[in-house]
C-alpha atoms as a PDB file:
ATOM      1  CA  MET A   1      49.541 -25.144  51.366  1.00  0.00           C
ATOM      2  CA  GLY A   2      48.781 -22.022  49.843  1.00  0.00           C
ATOM      3  CA  ASP A   3      51.377 -20.110  47.906  1.00  0.00           C
ATOM      4  CA  ASN A   4      51.287 -17.574  50.097  1.00  0.00           C
ATOM      5  CA  GLU A   5      51.515 -19.338  53.106  1.00  0.00           C
ATOM      6  CA  LEU A   6      54.492 -18.932  54.951  1.00  0.00           C
ATOM      7  CA  ARG A   7      55.751 -21.501  57.741  1.00  0.00           C
ATOM      8  CA  LEU A   8      57.499 -19.893  60.512  1.00  0.00           C
ATOM      9  CA  GLY A   9      59.200 -21.951  63.596  1.00  0.00           C
ATOM     10  CA  ILE A  10      59.916 -19.393  66.486  1.00  0.00           C
ATOM     11  CA  ASN A  11      59.585 -19.411  70.235  1.00  0.00           C
ATOM     12  CA  ARG A  12      56.810 -17.012  71.591  1.00  0.00           C
ATOM     13  CA  TYR A  13      59.121 -14.214  72.502  1.00  0.00           C
ATOM     14  CA  ASP A  14      57.425 -10.590  73.583  1.00  0.00           C
ATOM     15  CA  HIS A  15      59.218  -9.145  70.877  1.00  0.00           C
ATOM     16  CA  VAL A  16      57.731 -11.299  68.448  1.00  0.00           C
ATOM     17  CA  GLN A  17      54.261 -11.601  69.823  1.00  0.00           C
ATOM     18  CA  PRO A  18      52.694  -8.638  67.526  1.00  0.00           C
ATOM     19  CA  LEU A  19      53.763 -11.071  64.854  1.00  0.00           C
ATOM     20  CA  LEU A  20      52.104 -13.939  65.805  1.00  0.00           C
ATOM     21  CA  ASP A  21      48.796 -12.396  67.188  1.00  0.00           C
ATOM     22  CA  GLY A  22      48.305 -10.303  63.743  1.00  0.00           C
ATOM     23  CA  ARG A  23      48.923  -6.889  65.082  1.00  0.00           C
ATOM     24  CA  VAL A  24      51.725  -7.224  62.569  1.00  0.00           C
ATOM     25  CA  GLY A  25      52.039  -9.249  59.183  1.00  0.00           C
ATOM     26  CA  VAL A  26      54.541 -10.214  56.674  1.00  0.00           C
ATOM     27  CA  LYS A  27      53.725  -8.312  53.470  1.00  0.00           C
ATOM     28  CA  GLY A  28      52.185 -10.622  51.008  1.00  0.00           C
ATOM     29  CA  TYR A  29      52.140 -13.820  53.284  1.00  0.00           C
ATOM     30  CA  THR A  30      49.950 -15.460  55.687  1.00  0.00           C
ATOM     31  CA  ILE A  31      51.621 -16.834  58.492  1.00  0.00           C
ATOM     32  CA  ARG A  32      51.257 -20.272  60.114  1.00  0.00           C
ATOM     33  CA  HIS A  33      53.533 -20.387  63.494  1.00  0.00           C
ATOM     34  CA  GLU A  34      54.683 -23.305  65.332  1.00  0.00           C
ATOM     35  CA  ASP A  35      56.650 -23.086  68.734  1.00  0.00           C
ATOM     36  CA  ALA A  36      58.289 -25.853  70.986  1.00  0.00           C
ATOM     37  CA  PRO A  37      58.508 -26.717  74.636  1.00  0.00           C
ATOM     38  CA  ILE A  38      61.995 -26.263  74.259  1.00  0.00           C
ATOM     39  CA  VAL A  39      63.846 -24.164  71.581  1.00  0.00           C
ATOM     40  CA  SER A  40      66.149 -26.681  70.452  1.00  0.00           C
ATOM     41  CA  GLU A  41      63.388 -28.752  69.353  1.00  0.00           C
ATOM     42  CA  ILE A  42      62.676 -26.067  66.901  1.00  0.00           C
ATOM     43  CA  PHE A  43      66.278 -26.038  65.464  1.00  0.00           C
ATOM     44  CA  ALA A  44      65.820 -30.317  65.157  1.00  0.00           C
ATOM     45  CA  ARG A  45      62.472 -29.883  63.110  1.00  0.00           C
ATOM     46  CA  THR A  46      64.326 -27.395  60.963  1.00  0.00           C
ATOM     47  CA  PHE A  47      67.050 -29.653  60.125  1.00  0.00           C
ATOM     48  CA  ALA A  48      64.905 -32.604  59.837  1.00  0.00           C
ATOM     49  CA  GLY A  49      62.947 -31.639  56.693  1.00  0.00           C
ATOM     50  CA  ASP A  50      61.042 -28.927  55.176  1.00  0.00           C
ATOM     51  CA  ARG A  51      58.503 -28.317  57.942  1.00  0.00           C
ATOM     52  CA  TYR A  52      59.606 -24.490  57.906  1.00  0.00           C
ATOM     53  CA  ASP A  53      60.045 -21.821  55.507  1.00  0.00           C
ATOM     54  CA  VAL A  54      61.503 -19.410  58.072  1.00  0.00           C
ATOM     55  CA  SER A  55      62.797 -20.572  61.333  1.00  0.00           C
ATOM     56  CA  GLU A  56      64.925 -19.712  64.496  1.00  0.00           C
ATOM     57  CA  LEU A  57      68.278 -21.237  64.692  1.00  0.00           C
ATOM     58  CA  GLY A  58      71.079 -21.249  67.299  1.00  0.00           C
ATOM     59  CA  LEU A  59      74.191 -19.559  65.611  1.00  0.00           C
ATOM     60  CA  THR A  60      76.341 -22.336  66.500  1.00  0.00           C
ATOM     61  CA  PHE A  61      73.991 -24.791  64.953  1.00  0.00           C
ATOM     62  CA  PHE A  62      74.069 -23.010  61.660  1.00  0.00           C
ATOM     63  CA  LEU A  63      77.771 -22.584  61.575  1.00  0.00           C
ATOM     64  CA  ARG A  64      77.958 -26.403  62.357  1.00  0.00           C
ATOM     65  CA  ALA A  65      75.392 -26.862  59.135  1.00  0.00           C
ATOM     66  CA  LEU A  66      77.787 -24.599  56.854  1.00  0.00           C
ATOM     67  CA  ASP A  67      80.913 -26.669  58.084  1.00  0.00           C
ATOM     68  CA  ARG A  68      78.882 -29.866  56.970  1.00  0.00           C
ATOM     69  CA  GLY A  69      77.812 -28.217  53.353  1.00  0.00           C
ATOM     70  CA  ASP A  70      74.501 -28.065  54.256  1.00  0.00           C
ATOM     71  CA  ASP A  71      73.367 -25.100  52.461  1.00  0.00           C
ATOM     72  CA  ARG A  72      69.840 -25.157  52.800  1.00  0.00           C
ATOM     73  CA  PHE A  73      69.701 -22.124  54.867  1.00  0.00           C
ATOM     74  CA  VAL A  74      70.371 -18.703  54.598  1.00  0.00           C
ATOM     75  CA  GLY A  75      70.402 -16.063  57.349  1.00  0.00           C
ATOM     76  CA  ILE A  76      68.370 -12.890  57.823  1.00  0.00           C
ATOM     77  CA  PRO A  77      69.639 -10.504  60.123  1.00  0.00           C
ATOM     78  CA  VAL A  78      67.046 -10.966  62.725  1.00  0.00           C
ATOM     79  CA  PHE A  79      68.072 -11.925  66.289  1.00  0.00           C
ATOM     80  CA  PRO A  80      65.432 -13.306  68.557  1.00  0.00           C
ATOM     81  CA  ASN A  81      67.212 -14.330  71.436  1.00  0.00           C
ATOM     82  CA  ARG A  82      70.239 -12.459  73.088  1.00  0.00           C
ATOM     83  CA  HIS A  83      71.587 -13.072  76.716  1.00  0.00           C
ATOM     84  CA  PHE A  84      74.441 -11.669  78.666  1.00  0.00           C
ATOM     85  CA  ARG A  85      76.558 -14.917  79.655  1.00  0.00           C
ATOM     86  CA  HIS A  86      78.590 -14.177  82.639  1.00  0.00           C
ATOM     87  CA  SER A  87      75.550 -15.061  84.861  1.00  0.00           C
ATOM     88  CA  SER A  88      75.564 -18.622  83.245  1.00  0.00           C
ATOM     89  CA  ILE A  89      78.495 -20.209  84.901  1.00  0.00           C
ATOM     90  CA  TRP A  90      78.125 -21.832  87.989  1.00  0.00           C
ATOM     91  CA  VAL A  91      80.718 -23.393  90.564  1.00  0.00           C
ATOM     92  CA  ASN A  92      81.023 -25.881  93.289  1.00  0.00           C
ATOM     93  CA  VAL A  93      81.787 -24.119  96.463  1.00  0.00           C
ATOM     94  CA  ASP A  94      84.493 -26.587  97.482  1.00  0.00           C
ATOM     95  CA  SER A  95      85.955 -26.571  93.719  1.00  0.00           C
ATOM     96  CA  GLY A  96      88.980 -23.990  94.694  1.00  0.00           C
ATOM     97  CA  ILE A  97      87.407 -21.630  92.012  1.00  0.00           C
ATOM     98  CA  GLU A  98      87.368 -18.054  93.630  1.00  0.00           C
ATOM     99  CA  GLY A  99      87.626 -16.382  89.983  1.00  0.00           C
ATOM    100  CA  PRO A 100      88.181 -17.062  86.428  1.00  0.00           C
ATOM    101  CA  ALA A 101      92.063 -17.879  86.464  1.00  0.00           C
ATOM    102  CA  ASP A 102      91.064 -20.672  88.637  1.00  0.00           C
ATOM    103  CA  LEU A 103      89.104 -22.554  86.152  1.00  0.00           C
ATOM    104  CA  VAL A 104      92.614 -23.775  84.828  1.00  0.00           C
ATOM    105  CA  GLY A 105      92.679 -27.869  84.932  1.00  0.00           C
ATOM    106  CA  LYS A 106      89.154 -28.201  86.160  1.00  0.00           C
ATOM    107  CA  THR A 107      86.078 -30.254  84.977  1.00  0.00           C
ATOM    108  CA  ILE A 108      83.275 -28.553  83.470  1.00  0.00           C
ATOM    109  CA  GLY A 109      79.997 -29.485  82.355  1.00  0.00           C
ATOM    110  CA  GLU A 110      78.194 -28.097  79.198  1.00  0.00           C
ATOM    111  CA  LEU A 111      74.731 -28.075  78.191  1.00  0.00           C
ATOM    112  CA  ALA A 112      73.830 -30.419  75.445  1.00  0.00           C
ATOM    113  CA  VAL A 113      76.830 -29.953  72.893  1.00  0.00           C
ATOM    114  CA  TYR A 114      80.257 -28.912  73.264  1.00  0.00           C
ATOM    115  CA  GLY A 115      80.026 -25.492  72.074  1.00  0.00           C
ATOM    116  CA  HIS A 116      76.201 -24.513  72.139  1.00  0.00           C
ATOM    117  CA  ASP A 117      75.685 -20.713  71.857  1.00  0.00           C
ATOM    118  CA  ALA A 118      75.693 -19.968  75.764  1.00  0.00           C
ATOM    119  CA  GLY A 119      79.276 -21.990  76.087  1.00  0.00           C
ATOM    120  CA  ILE A 120      80.935 -20.088  73.036  1.00  0.00           C
ATOM    121  CA  TRP A 121      79.887 -16.428  74.303  1.00  0.00           C
ATOM    122  CA  PRO A 122      81.383 -17.258  77.779  1.00  0.00           C
ATOM    123  CA  LYS A 123      84.456 -19.175  76.799  1.00  0.00           C
ATOM    124  CA  GLY A 124      85.347 -16.287  74.186  1.00  0.00           C
ATOM    125  CA  ILE A 125      84.791 -13.632  76.702  1.00  0.00           C
ATOM    126  CA  LEU A 126      86.612 -15.495  79.604  1.00  0.00           C
ATOM    127  CA  SER A 127      89.355 -16.106  76.882  1.00  0.00           C
ATOM    128  CA  ASP A 128      89.605 -12.286  75.942  1.00  0.00           C
ATOM    129  CA  GLU A 129      89.558 -10.740  79.355  1.00  0.00           C
ATOM    130  CA  HIS A 130      90.868 -13.273  81.739  1.00  0.00           C
ATOM    131  CA  GLY A 131      93.246 -15.511  79.548  1.00  0.00           C
ATOM    132  CA  PHE A 132      91.008 -18.631  79.832  1.00  0.00           C
ATOM    133  CA  ARG A 133      92.173 -21.677  77.721  1.00  0.00           C
ATOM    134  CA  PRO A 134      89.198 -24.308  76.990  1.00  0.00           C
ATOM    135  CA  GLU A 135      91.678 -26.825  76.067  1.00  0.00           C
ATOM    136  CA  THR A 136      92.930 -27.041  79.823  1.00  0.00           C
ATOM    137  CA  ASN A 137      89.676 -28.647  80.841  1.00  0.00           C
ATOM    138  CA  ARG A 138      87.854 -31.493  80.943  1.00  0.00           C
ATOM    139  CA  TRP A 139      84.362 -31.328  79.673  1.00  0.00           C
ATOM    140  CA  LEU A 140      81.384 -33.241  80.496  1.00  0.00           C
ATOM    141  CA  ILE A 141      78.518 -32.676  78.178  1.00  0.00           C
ATOM    142  CA  GLY A 142      74.916 -33.463  78.994  1.00  0.00           C
ATOM    143  CA  GLY A 143      71.385 -32.195  80.383  1.00  0.00           C
ATOM    144  CA  PRO A 144      71.182 -29.815  83.317  1.00  0.00           C
ATOM    145  CA  ASP A 145      68.689 -31.931  85.463  1.00  0.00           C
ATOM    146  CA  TRP A 146      67.060 -34.243  82.737  1.00  0.00           C
ATOM    147  CA  PRO A 147      68.132 -36.227  79.567  1.00  0.00           C
ATOM    148  CA  MET A 148      69.644 -33.815  76.657  1.00  0.00           C
ATOM    149  CA  HIS A 149      71.114 -35.473  73.667  1.00  0.00           C
ATOM    150  CA  MET A 150      71.094 -33.672  70.205  1.00  0.00           C
ATOM    151  CA  GLU A 151      74.028 -36.197  68.692  1.00  0.00           C
ATOM    152  CA  SER A 152      71.322 -37.027  65.827  1.00  0.00           C
ATOM    153  CA  TRP A 153      71.291 -33.643  64.323  1.00  0.00           C
ATOM    154  CA  ALA A 154      74.177 -31.982  66.126  1.00  0.00           C
ATOM    155  CA  PRO A 155      76.714 -34.265  66.223  1.00  0.00           C
ATOM    156  CA  LEU A 156      79.455 -33.418  69.164  1.00  0.00           C
ATOM    157  CA  LYS A 157      82.419 -31.693  67.248  1.00  0.00           C
ATOM    158  CA  THR A 158      85.331 -30.824  69.377  1.00  0.00           C
ATOM    159  CA  PRO A 159      88.927 -29.708  68.602  1.00  0.00           C
ATOM    160  CA  GLU A 160      91.755 -32.460  68.802  1.00  0.00           C
ATOM    161  CA  ASN A 161      93.173 -30.770  71.881  1.00  0.00           C
ATOM    162  CA  VAL A 162      90.166 -30.612  73.781  1.00  0.00           C
ATOM    163  CA  ASP A 163      88.920 -33.590  75.978  1.00  0.00           C
ATOM    164  CA  ALA A 164      85.107 -33.513  75.906  1.00  0.00           C
ATOM    165  CA  ARG A 165      82.664 -36.507  76.225  1.00  0.00           C
ATOM    166  CA  TYR A 166      79.087 -37.150  77.178  1.00  0.00           C
ATOM    167  CA  ALA A 167      78.403 -37.671  81.110  1.00  0.00           C
ATOM    168  CA  PRO A 168      77.961 -41.040  82.003  1.00  0.00           C
ATOM    169  CA  GLU A 169      74.450 -42.728  81.291  1.00  0.00           C
ATOM    170  CA  GLY A 170      71.892 -41.711  84.049  1.00  0.00           C
ATOM    171  CA  LYS A 171      73.997 -38.436  85.246  1.00  0.00           C
ATOM    172  CA  PHE A 172      72.899 -34.757  84.924  1.00  0.00           C
ATOM    173  CA  LEU A 173      75.232 -31.971  85.137  1.00  0.00           C
ATOM    174  CA  GLY A 174      72.847 -29.768  87.888  1.00  0.00           C
ATOM    175  CA  PRO A 175      73.435 -32.842  90.598  1.00  0.00           C
ATOM    176  CA  MET A 176      77.176 -33.536  89.496  1.00  0.00           C
ATOM    177  CA  LEU A 177      77.540 -29.443  90.153  1.00  0.00           C
ATOM    178  CA  GLU A 178      76.184 -29.776  93.337  1.00  0.00           C
ATOM    179  CA  SER A 179      77.858 -33.158  94.409  1.00  0.00           C
ATOM    180  CA  GLY A 180      81.336 -31.813  93.282  1.00  0.00           C
ATOM    181  CA  GLU A 181      81.905 -34.417  90.420  1.00  0.00           C
ATOM    182  CA  ILE A 182      82.170 -31.243  88.131  1.00  0.00           C
ATOM    183  CA  ASP A 183      83.706 -28.253  89.324  1.00  0.00           C
ATOM    184  CA  ALA A 184      81.864 -25.901  87.062  1.00  0.00           C
ATOM    185  CA  LEU A 185      79.048 -25.726  84.659  1.00  0.00           C
ATOM    186  CA  PHE A 186      78.311 -23.375  81.695  1.00  0.00           C
ATOM    187  CA  SER A 187      74.674 -23.512  80.489  1.00  0.00           C
ATOM    188  CA  ALA A 188      71.689 -21.736  79.126  1.00  0.00           C
ATOM    189  CA  ILE A 189      69.351 -23.599  81.452  1.00  0.00           C
ATOM    190  CA  VAL A 190      69.618 -22.879  85.028  1.00  0.00           C
ATOM    191  CA  PRO A 191      70.315 -25.774  86.800  1.00  0.00           C
ATOM    192  CA  ARG A 192      67.737 -26.953  89.659  1.00  0.00           C
ATOM    193  CA  CYS A 193      70.248 -26.633  92.726  1.00  0.00           C
ATOM    194  CA  ALA A 194      71.044 -23.232  91.464  1.00  0.00           C
ATOM    195  CA  LEU A 195      67.296 -22.173  91.401  1.00  0.00           C
ATOM    196  CA  ASP A 196      67.004 -23.531  94.731  1.00  0.00           C
ATOM    197  CA  LYS A 197      69.589 -21.871  96.227  1.00  0.00           C
ATOM    198  CA  SER A 198      71.947 -24.568  96.916  1.00  0.00           C
ATOM    199  CA  PRO A 199      74.360 -23.629  99.728  1.00  0.00           C
ATOM    200  CA  ARG A 200      77.113 -25.977  97.563  1.00  0.00           C
ATOM    201  CA  VAL A 201      76.593 -23.962  94.137  1.00  0.00           C
ATOM    202  CA  THR A 202      77.479 -20.301  93.540  1.00  0.00           C
ATOM    203  CA  THR A 203      78.169 -18.194  90.298  1.00  0.00           C
ATOM    204  CA  LEU A 204      81.661 -17.742  88.972  1.00  0.00           C
ATOM    205  CA  PHE A 205      81.338 -13.851  89.223  1.00  0.00           C
ATOM    206  CA  ALA A 206      80.155 -12.558  92.839  1.00  0.00           C
ATOM    207  CA  ASP A 207      77.813 -10.197  91.180  1.00  0.00           C
ATOM    208  CA  PRO A 208      76.780 -11.592  87.869  1.00  0.00           C
ATOM    209  CA  GLN A 209      74.931  -8.551  86.909  1.00  0.00           C
ATOM    210  CA  ALA A 210      77.424  -5.972  87.575  1.00  0.00           C
ATOM    211  CA  ALA A 211      79.762  -7.923  85.293  1.00  0.00           C
ATOM    212  CA  GLU A 212      77.431  -8.155  82.647  1.00  0.00           C
ATOM    213  CA  ARG A 213      76.477  -4.432  82.718  1.00  0.00           C
ATOM    214  CA  ASP A 214      80.319  -3.258  82.960  1.00  0.00           C
ATOM    215  CA  TYR A 215      80.779  -5.681  79.814  1.00  0.00           C
ATOM    216  CA  TYR A 216      78.175  -3.630  77.701  1.00  0.00           C
ATOM    217  CA  ARG A 217      79.501  -0.611  78.971  1.00  0.00           C
ATOM    218  CA  ARG A 218      82.806  -1.302  77.722  1.00  0.00           C
ATOM    219  CA  THR A 219      82.149  -3.448  74.717  1.00  0.00           C
ATOM    220  CA  GLY A 220      78.968  -2.377  73.581  1.00  0.00           C
ATOM    221  CA  ILE A 221      77.965  -5.933  72.864  1.00  0.00           C
ATOM    222  CA  PHE A 222      74.739  -7.531  73.884  1.00  0.00           C
ATOM    223  CA  PRO A 223      75.608 -11.177  73.109  1.00  0.00           C
ATOM    224  CA  ILE A 224      73.386 -12.708  70.619  1.00  0.00           C
ATOM    225  CA  MET A 225      72.379 -16.495  70.725  1.00  0.00           C
ATOM    226  CA  HIS A 226      69.959 -17.408  67.872  1.00  0.00           C
ATOM    227  CA  MET A 227      69.374 -15.891  64.255  1.00  0.00           C
ATOM    228  CA  VAL A 228      66.425 -16.458  61.620  1.00  0.00           C
ATOM    229  CA  VAL A 229      67.167 -18.175  58.698  1.00  0.00           C
ATOM    230  CA  ILE A 230      65.091 -18.798  55.279  1.00  0.00           C
ATOM    231  CA  ARG A 231      65.119 -22.218  53.195  1.00  0.00           C
ATOM    232  CA  ARG A 232      66.889 -21.478  49.839  1.00  0.00           C
ATOM    233  CA  GLU A 233      64.408 -23.104  48.222  1.00  0.00           C
ATOM    234  CA  PHE A 234      61.412 -21.000  49.229  1.00  0.00           C
ATOM    235  CA  LEU A 235      63.252 -18.013  48.669  1.00  0.00           C
ATOM    236  CA  ARG A 236      63.764 -19.130  45.088  1.00  0.00           C
ATOM    237  CA  ARG A 237      59.965 -19.471  44.538  1.00  0.00           C
ATOM    238  CA  HIS A 238      59.452 -16.217  46.901  1.00  0.00           C
ATOM    239  CA  PRO A 239      62.326 -13.915  46.105  1.00  0.00           C
ATOM    240  CA  ASP A 240      60.722 -10.954  48.147  1.00  0.00           C
ATOM    241  CA  ALA A 241      60.151 -12.866  51.305  1.00  0.00           C
ATOM    242  CA  ALA A 242      63.362 -12.478  52.899  1.00  0.00           C
ATOM    243  CA  ARG A 243      62.600  -8.148  52.998  1.00  0.00           C
ATOM    244  CA  ALA A 244      59.116  -9.090  54.072  1.00  0.00           C
ATOM    245  CA  VAL A 245      60.441 -11.209  56.684  1.00  0.00           C
ATOM    246  CA  PHE A 246      63.213  -8.652  58.082  1.00  0.00           C
ATOM    247  CA  ASP A 247      60.597  -5.973  57.787  1.00  0.00           C
ATOM    248  CA  ALA A 248      57.983  -7.956  60.027  1.00  0.00           C
ATOM    249  CA  PHE A 249      60.305  -8.855  62.425  1.00  0.00           C
ATOM    250  CA  THR A 250      61.600  -5.305  63.116  1.00  0.00           C
ATOM    251  CA  GLU A 251      58.111  -3.893  63.045  1.00  0.00           C
ATOM    252  CA  SER A 252      57.043  -6.181  65.774  1.00  0.00           C
ATOM    253  CA  ALA A 253      60.367  -5.685  67.980  1.00  0.00           C
ATOM    254  CA  ASP A 254      59.398  -1.830  67.497  1.00  0.00           C
ATOM    255  CA  THR A 255      55.970  -2.539  68.365  1.00  0.00           C
ATOM    256  CA  THR A 256      56.963  -4.457  71.431  1.00  0.00           C
ATOM    257  CA  LEU A 257      59.423  -1.734  72.617  1.00  0.00           C
ATOM    258  CA  ALA A 258      56.862   0.832  72.387  1.00  0.00           C
ATOM    259  CA  GLY A 259      54.497  -0.935  74.792  1.00  0.00           C
ATOM    260  CA  TYR A 260      57.306  -0.801  77.142  1.00  0.00           C
ATOM    261  CA  GLU A 261      57.745   2.760  76.490  1.00  0.00           C
ATOM    262  CA  ASN A 262      54.203   3.753  77.082  1.00  0.00           C
ATOM    263  CA  GLY A 263      54.100   1.500  80.225  1.00  0.00           C
ATOM    264  CA  ARG A 264      56.371   3.923  81.622  1.00  0.00           C
ATOM    265  CA  THR A 265      53.665   6.228  82.106  1.00  0.00           C
ATOM    266  CA  ASP A 266      51.585   3.636  84.677  1.00  0.00           C
ATOM    267  CA  HIS A 267      54.481   1.808  86.203  1.00  0.00           C
ATOM    268  CA  HIS A 268      53.993  -0.868  83.824  1.00  0.00           C
ATOM    269  CA  MET A 269      50.855  -2.080  85.743  1.00  0.00           C
ATOM    270  CA  ASP A 270      50.399  -4.690  82.911  1.00  0.00           C
ATOM    271  CA  VAL A 271      53.396  -6.591  84.314  1.00  0.00           C
ATOM    272  CA  MET A 272      53.101  -9.138  87.242  1.00  0.00           C
ATOM    273  CA  VAL A 273      56.569  -8.701  88.262  1.00  0.00           C
ATOM    274  CA  PRO A 274      56.565  -5.727  90.775  1.00  0.00           C
ATOM    275  CA  TRP A 275      59.252  -3.051  90.432  1.00  0.00           C
ATOM    276  CA  VAL A 276      59.377  -3.327  86.477  1.00  0.00           C
ATOM    277  CA  SER A 277      59.527   0.146  85.915  1.00  0.00           C
ATOM    278  CA  PRO A 278      62.891   1.044  87.955  1.00  0.00           C
ATOM    279  CA  LEU A 279      64.760  -1.687  86.157  1.00  0.00           C
ATOM    280  CA  TYR A 280      63.618  -1.024  82.458  1.00  0.00           C
ATOM    281  CA  GLU A 281      64.560   2.836  83.420  1.00  0.00           C
ATOM    282  CA  ALA A 282      68.044   1.372  84.495  1.00  0.00           C
ATOM    283  CA  ASN A 283      68.307  -0.348  81.504  1.00  0.00           C
ATOM    284  CA  ARG A 284      67.269   2.205  78.985  1.00  0.00           C
ATOM    285  CA  GLU A 285      69.735   4.658  80.488  1.00  0.00           C
ATOM    286  CA  LEU A 286      72.555   1.887  79.899  1.00  0.00           C
ATOM    287  CA  LEU A 287      71.201   0.337  76.621  1.00  0.00           C
ATOM    288  CA  GLN A 288      69.737   3.439  75.261  1.00  0.00           C
ATOM    289  CA  ALA A 289      66.905   1.368  73.598  1.00  0.00           C
ATOM    290  CA  GLY A 290      69.060   0.083  70.488  1.00  0.00           C
ATOM    291  CA  HIS A 291      69.852  -3.015  72.480  1.00  0.00           C
ATOM    292  CA  TRP A 292      67.228  -5.302  70.183  1.00  0.00           C
ATOM    293  CA  LYS A 293      67.787  -3.536  66.957  1.00  0.00           C
ATOM    294  CA  HIS A 294      67.636  -6.093  63.905  1.00  0.00           C
ATOM    295  CA  GLY A 295      69.833  -5.855  60.801  1.00  0.00           C
ATOM    296  CA  MET A 296      73.791  -5.781  60.437  1.00  0.00           C
ATOM    297  CA  LYS A 297      74.626  -2.380  61.072  1.00  0.00           C
ATOM    298  CA  ALA A 298      73.742  -2.595  64.466  1.00  0.00           C
ATOM    299  CA  ASN A 299      75.084  -5.883  65.099  1.00  0.00           C
ATOM    300  CA  ARG A 300      77.994  -6.306  62.841  1.00  0.00           C
ATOM    301  CA  GLN A 301      80.489  -6.488  65.520  1.00  0.00           C
ATOM    302  CA  THR A 302      78.562  -8.863  67.654  1.00  0.00           C
ATOM    303  CA  ILE A 303      78.406 -11.528  65.303  1.00  0.00           C
ATOM    304  CA  ASP A 304      82.267 -10.783  63.890  1.00  0.00           C
ATOM    305  CA  THR A 305      82.879 -11.782  67.501  1.00  0.00           C
ATOM    306  CA  PHE A 306      81.199 -14.573  67.928  1.00  0.00           C
ATOM    307  CA  LEU A 307      82.420 -15.841  64.572  1.00  0.00           C
ATOM    308  CA  ARG A 308      86.065 -14.981  66.042  1.00  0.00           C
ATOM    309  CA  TYR A 309      85.382 -17.163  69.177  1.00  0.00           C
ATOM    310  CA  ALA A 310      83.829 -20.047  67.231  1.00  0.00           C
ATOM    311  CA  PHE A 311      86.876 -20.284  64.975  1.00  0.00           C
ATOM    312  CA  GLU A 312      89.185 -19.931  68.002  1.00  0.00           C
ATOM    313  CA  GLN A 313      87.380 -22.430  70.036  1.00  0.00           C
ATOM    314  CA  GLY A 314      87.392 -25.095  67.159  1.00  0.00           C
ATOM    315  CA  ILE A 315      84.082 -25.158  66.663  1.00  0.00           C
ATOM    316  CA  THR A 316      84.330 -24.148  62.676  1.00  0.00           C
ATOM    317  CA  ASP A 317      86.989 -25.307  60.372  1.00  0.00           C
ATOM    318  CA  ARG A 318      87.405 -21.639  59.261  1.00  0.00           C
ATOM    319  CA  ARG A 319      86.766 -18.032  60.133  1.00  0.00           C
ATOM    320  CA  TYR A 320      83.298 -17.073  58.849  1.00  0.00           C
ATOM    321  CA  ALA A 321      82.170 -13.557  57.903  1.00  0.00           C
ATOM    322  CA  CYS A 322      78.994 -12.253  58.231  1.00  0.00           C
ATOM    323  CA  GLU A 323      78.575 -12.180  54.190  1.00  0.00           C
ATOM    324  CA  ASP A 324      78.645 -16.052  54.876  1.00  0.00           C
ATOM    325  CA  LEU A 325      76.021 -15.977  56.593  1.00  0.00           C
ATOM    326  CA  PHE A 326      73.400 -13.780  55.394  1.00  0.00           C
ATOM    327  CA  LEU A 327      71.388 -12.769  52.442  1.00  0.00           C
ATOM    328  CA  ASP A 328      73.537 -10.011  50.278  1.00  0.00           C
ATOM    329  CA  GLU A 329      70.404  -7.993  49.753  1.00  0.00           C
ATOM    330  CA  LEU A 330      70.188  -7.482  53.715  1.00  0.00           C
ATOM    331  CA  LEU A 331      73.799  -6.480  54.508  1.00  0.00           C
ATOM    332  CA  ASP A 332      72.852  -3.117  54.129  1.00  0.00           C
ATOM    333  CA  THR A 333      70.168  -3.253  56.811  1.00  0.00           C
END
């Protein structure tokens, strides 16, 4: 490995593509990129050894590492994965759940680990806005329609007052939701029964997109799922790397956004999905083109909210602050 080579583990998001195809570079470094069929594989590889110098990592998995005293990594305020999560909650139609208040006492499935990124956000939002309390529920952890077990690198950690355990061997959360073995499901991955429009399954919110747009309009929060981390050992040898990486990701996202902006002139004909332009215009009006900015100034409120949720839900032993996660030199970005 050359001294100026930077090994990068990250998914092929559209806003990262200019960095991966060479339109944007990391000043002073040559990128060697690797992705994975599912992003959690990148997380696992990050913890397994020194495969990456810079990598994508779910917020909750980074916090769990901090709690374990694993300080091999430090955060760069680049946020490659965001998603509104009102649309990530499904219920069985016979569960008696008509709205958030009806979740009390129900059996709920959660993807992969208790407190995955797409689990912490909806639990926190429901707690803030609807009085939801996860400790009133029984939680089953597992894969949606295939095995998903992260115990080797992300041990199941739950507060003492929460009943959370793995789903029985050979059982998957999607079929369990459809059959009524669980009442609801919180998951970053859409279960097959929902994709297939099963009449036994519906969303918790009747119009999730309307709920999510209303949430953003009121809070200004576009939930962050993943961050970018850099290995401290690499940073000791390359003290300029963190700023160079931050600048590159920022330029890459700006390049992609400029492409979407230019696409307005020809109805985004380079995109396979029809009616993209009206959707883009509606999003542009609501989000004001600032929804995917990297850096701390634009994202401190969102990160602080997630850190509060993680502590309130017992995922972390203490209430972390942004200063605990990110490099000092990038806190002013």
